[in-house]
Amino acid sequence: MRTLHRFAASVLAVAGMVCVLFPSAEPLPAQQPRQPLPHALPVADLLDINTASPAQLNALPGFGPAYTRRVIAGRPYSAKNQLVTRGVLPKSAYDQVSSRIIAHRPAR
């Protein structure tokens, strides 16, 4: 027990010396509130993969006729990440478009 007290006293002494030798020049700035990512679009501007036309899908970055056909053939989607989980798109292609798309749940 005595060894533990000596160890604790040593740690406190070293911490005190560090504070004296290296005082903080200025206080840390207050954290800014988190801003949305600049590439994230408002929900109203997102492309619904359940209703988008082939031309709209082709306009997405990295998309071409092959991905467009696969997305349309796999409809309906209940979540946009199903493009990856169902194997419609590879993760790398999904990462390019995920901030631009949405999957509204189809009406029943």
C-alpha atoms as a PDB file:
ATOM      1  CA  MET A   1       0.000   0.000   0.000  1.00  0.00           C
ATOM      2  CA  ARG A   2       2.842   2.327   0.868  1.00  0.00           C
ATOM      3  CA  THR A   3       4.342   1.735  -2.604  1.00  0.00           C
ATOM      4  CA  LEU A   4       1.074   2.761  -4.219  1.00  0.00           C
ATOM      5  CA  HIS A   5       1.049   6.018  -2.238  1.00  0.00           C
ATOM      6  CA  ARG A   6       4.638   6.769  -3.261  1.00  0.00           C
ATOM      7  CA  PHE A   7       3.788   6.046  -6.889  1.00  0.00           C
ATOM      8  CA  ALA A   8       0.740   8.323  -6.773  1.00  0.00           C
ATOM      9  CA  ALA A   9       2.779  11.085  -5.134  1.00  0.00           C
ATOM     10  CA  SER A  10       5.434  10.739  -7.850  1.00  0.00           C
ATOM     11  CA  VAL A  11       2.844  10.971 -10.620  1.00  0.00           C
ATOM     12  CA  LEU A  12       1.339  14.089  -9.071  1.00  0.00           C
ATOM     13  CA  ALA A  13       4.773  15.681  -8.696  1.00  0.00           C
ATOM     14  CA  VAL A  14       5.632  15.010 -12.353  1.00  0.00           C
ATOM     15  CA  ALA A  15       2.262  16.372 -13.461  1.00  0.00           C
ATOM     16  CA  GLY A  16       2.858  19.514 -11.423  1.00  0.00           C
ATOM     17  CA  MET A  17       6.294  20.031 -12.994  1.00  0.00           C
ATOM     18  CA  VAL A  18       4.856  19.581 -16.483  1.00  0.00           C
ATOM     19  CA  CYS A  19       2.231  22.237 -15.769  1.00  0.00           C
ATOM     20  CA  VAL A  20       4.897  24.648 -14.520  1.00  0.00           C
ATOM     21  CA  LEU A  21       7.339  23.990 -17.358  1.00  0.00           C
ATOM     22  CA  PHE A  22       4.755  23.944 -20.169  1.00  0.00           C
ATOM     23  CA  PRO A  23       1.925  26.313 -19.330  1.00  0.00           C
ATOM     24  CA  SER A  24      -0.827  26.552 -21.876  1.00  0.00           C
ATOM     25  CA  ALA A  25      -0.242  29.613 -24.052  1.00  0.00           C
ATOM     26  CA  GLU A  26      -3.932  30.159 -24.660  1.00  0.00           C
ATOM     27  CA  PRO A  27      -7.133  28.379 -23.741  1.00  0.00           C
ATOM     28  CA  LEU A  28      -8.598  25.889 -26.160  1.00  0.00           C
ATOM     29  CA  PRO A  29     -11.265  27.396 -28.421  1.00  0.00           C
ATOM     30  CA  ALA A  30     -14.883  26.496 -27.781  1.00  0.00           C
ATOM     31  CA  GLN A  31     -16.144  23.840 -30.145  1.00  0.00           C
ATOM     32  CA  GLN A  32     -18.211  25.102 -33.022  1.00  0.00           C
ATOM     33  CA  PRO A  33     -21.586  23.469 -33.647  1.00  0.00           C
ATOM     34  CA  ARG A  34     -21.361  20.791 -36.287  1.00  0.00           C
ATOM     35  CA  GLN A  35     -22.195  22.044 -39.752  1.00  0.00           C
ATOM     36  CA  PRO A  36     -23.761  19.773 -42.377  1.00  0.00           C
ATOM     37  CA  LEU A  37     -21.379  18.462 -44.982  1.00  0.00           C
ATOM     38  CA  PRO A  38     -21.154  20.824 -47.958  1.00  0.00           C
ATOM     39  CA  HIS A  39     -22.036  18.068 -50.429  1.00  0.00           C
ATOM     40  CA  ALA A  40     -25.165  17.014 -48.524  1.00  0.00           C
ATOM     41  CA  LEU A  41     -28.332  18.194 -50.239  1.00  0.00           C
ATOM     42  CA  PRO A  42     -31.615  19.181 -48.593  1.00  0.00           C
ATOM     43  CA  VAL A  43     -34.129  16.312 -48.531  1.00  0.00           C
ATOM     44  CA  ALA A  44     -36.261  18.060 -51.155  1.00  0.00           C
ATOM     45  CA  ASP A  45     -33.318  17.974 -53.591  1.00  0.00           C
ATOM     46  CA  LEU A  46     -32.479  14.283 -53.126  1.00  0.00           C
ATOM     47  CA  LEU A  47     -33.203  11.873 -55.959  1.00  0.00           C
ATOM     48  CA  ASP A  48     -35.665   9.102 -55.047  1.00  0.00           C
ATOM     49  CA  ILE A  49     -34.236   5.864 -56.422  1.00  0.00           C
ATOM     50  CA  ASN A  50     -37.718   4.308 -56.480  1.00  0.00           C
ATOM     51  CA  THR A  51     -39.160   6.861 -58.908  1.00  0.00           C
ATOM     52  CA  ALA A  52     -36.165   8.391 -60.716  1.00  0.00           C
ATOM     53  CA  SER A  53     -36.102   8.238 -64.497  1.00  0.00           C
ATOM     54  CA  PRO A  54     -33.208   6.581 -66.330  1.00  0.00           C
ATOM     55  CA  ALA A  55     -31.940  10.035 -67.357  1.00  0.00           C
ATOM     56  CA  GLN A  56     -31.934  11.216 -63.733  1.00  0.00           C
ATOM     57  CA  LEU A  57     -30.053   8.117 -62.571  1.00  0.00           C
ATOM     58  CA  ASN A  58     -27.513   8.444 -65.415  1.00  0.00           C
ATOM     59  CA  ALA A  59     -26.789  11.998 -64.228  1.00  0.00           C
ATOM     60  CA  LEU A  60     -25.495  10.709 -60.873  1.00  0.00           C
ATOM     61  CA  PRO A  61     -21.698  10.674 -60.521  1.00  0.00           C
ATOM     62  CA  GLY A  62     -20.186   7.361 -61.598  1.00  0.00           C
ATOM     63  CA  PHE A  63     -23.471   6.108 -63.046  1.00  0.00           C
ATOM     64  CA  GLY A  64     -23.965   4.828 -66.532  1.00  0.00           C
ATOM     65  CA  PRO A  65     -26.514   2.672 -68.341  1.00  0.00           C
ATOM     66  CA  ALA A  66     -25.464  -0.547 -66.560  1.00  0.00           C
ATOM     67  CA  TYR A  67     -25.932   0.809 -63.009  1.00  0.00           C
ATOM     68  CA  THR A  68     -29.128   2.544 -64.069  1.00  0.00           C
ATOM     69  CA  ARG A  69     -30.626  -0.713 -65.388  1.00  0.00           C
ATOM     70  CA  ARG A  70     -29.622  -2.563 -62.209  1.00  0.00           C
ATOM     71  CA  VAL A  71     -31.161   0.087 -59.937  1.00  0.00           C
ATOM     72  CA  ILE A  72     -34.424   0.122 -61.894  1.00  0.00           C
ATOM     73  CA  ALA A  73     -34.608  -3.691 -62.022  1.00  0.00           C
ATOM     74  CA  GLY A  74     -34.202  -3.925 -58.245  1.00  0.00           C
ATOM     75  CA  ARG A  75     -37.047  -1.588 -57.338  1.00  0.00           C
ATOM     76  CA  PRO A  76     -38.678  -1.005 -54.898  1.00  0.00           C
ATOM     77  CA  TYR A  77     -36.192  -0.166 -52.144  1.00  0.00           C
ATOM     78  CA  SER A  78     -37.184   0.590 -48.562  1.00  0.00           C
ATOM     79  CA  ALA A  79     -33.768   2.122 -47.770  1.00  0.00           C
ATOM     80  CA  LYS A  80     -31.046   3.505 -49.992  1.00  0.00           C
ATOM     81  CA  ASN A  81     -28.377   1.245 -48.465  1.00  0.00           C
ATOM     82  CA  GLN A  82     -30.170  -1.702 -50.057  1.00  0.00           C
ATOM     83  CA  LEU A  83     -28.314  -0.785 -53.229  1.00  0.00           C
ATOM     84  CA  VAL A  84     -25.245  -2.291 -51.527  1.00  0.00           C
ATOM     85  CA  THR A  85     -26.864  -4.992 -49.405  1.00  0.00           C
ATOM     86  CA  ARG A  86     -28.705  -6.435 -52.414  1.00  0.00           C
ATOM     87  CA  GLY A  87     -25.582  -6.250 -54.588  1.00  0.00           C
ATOM     88  CA  VAL A  88     -27.015  -3.698 -57.012  1.00  0.00           C
ATOM     89  CA  LEU A  89     -24.022  -1.354 -56.600  1.00  0.00           C
ATOM     90  CA  PRO A  90     -20.530  -1.866 -55.239  1.00  0.00           C
ATOM     91  CA  LYS A  91     -19.755   0.078 -52.047  1.00  0.00           C
ATOM     92  CA  SER A  92     -17.426   2.466 -53.899  1.00  0.00           C
ATOM     93  CA  ALA A  93     -20.166   3.509 -56.348  1.00  0.00           C
ATOM     94  CA  TYR A  94     -22.702   3.813 -53.523  1.00  0.00           C
ATOM     95  CA  ASP A  95     -20.342   6.064 -51.540  1.00  0.00           C
ATOM     96  CA  GLN A  96     -20.214   8.483 -54.495  1.00  0.00           C
ATOM     97  CA  VAL A  97     -23.993   8.903 -54.665  1.00  0.00           C
ATOM     98  CA  SER A  98     -25.285   8.211 -51.140  1.00  0.00           C
ATOM     99  CA  SER A  99     -25.450  11.906 -50.213  1.00  0.00           C
ATOM    100  CA  ARG A 100     -27.561  12.620 -53.327  1.00  0.00           C
ATOM    101  CA  ILE A 101     -30.192   9.875 -53.155  1.00  0.00           C
ATOM    102  CA  ILE A 102     -33.064   8.758 -50.983  1.00  0.00           C
ATOM    103  CA  ALA A 103     -35.458   5.816 -51.044  1.00  0.00           C
ATOM    104  CA  HIS A 104     -38.990   6.808 -50.148  1.00  0.00           C
ATOM    105  CA  ARG A 105     -40.897   3.772 -49.023  1.00  0.00           C
ATOM    106  CA  PRO A 106     -43.250   2.635 -51.725  1.00  0.00           C
ATOM    107  CA  ALA A 107     -46.980   3.080 -51.080  1.00  0.00           C
ATOM    108  CA  ARG A 108     -48.844  -0.114 -50.264  1.00  0.00           C
END
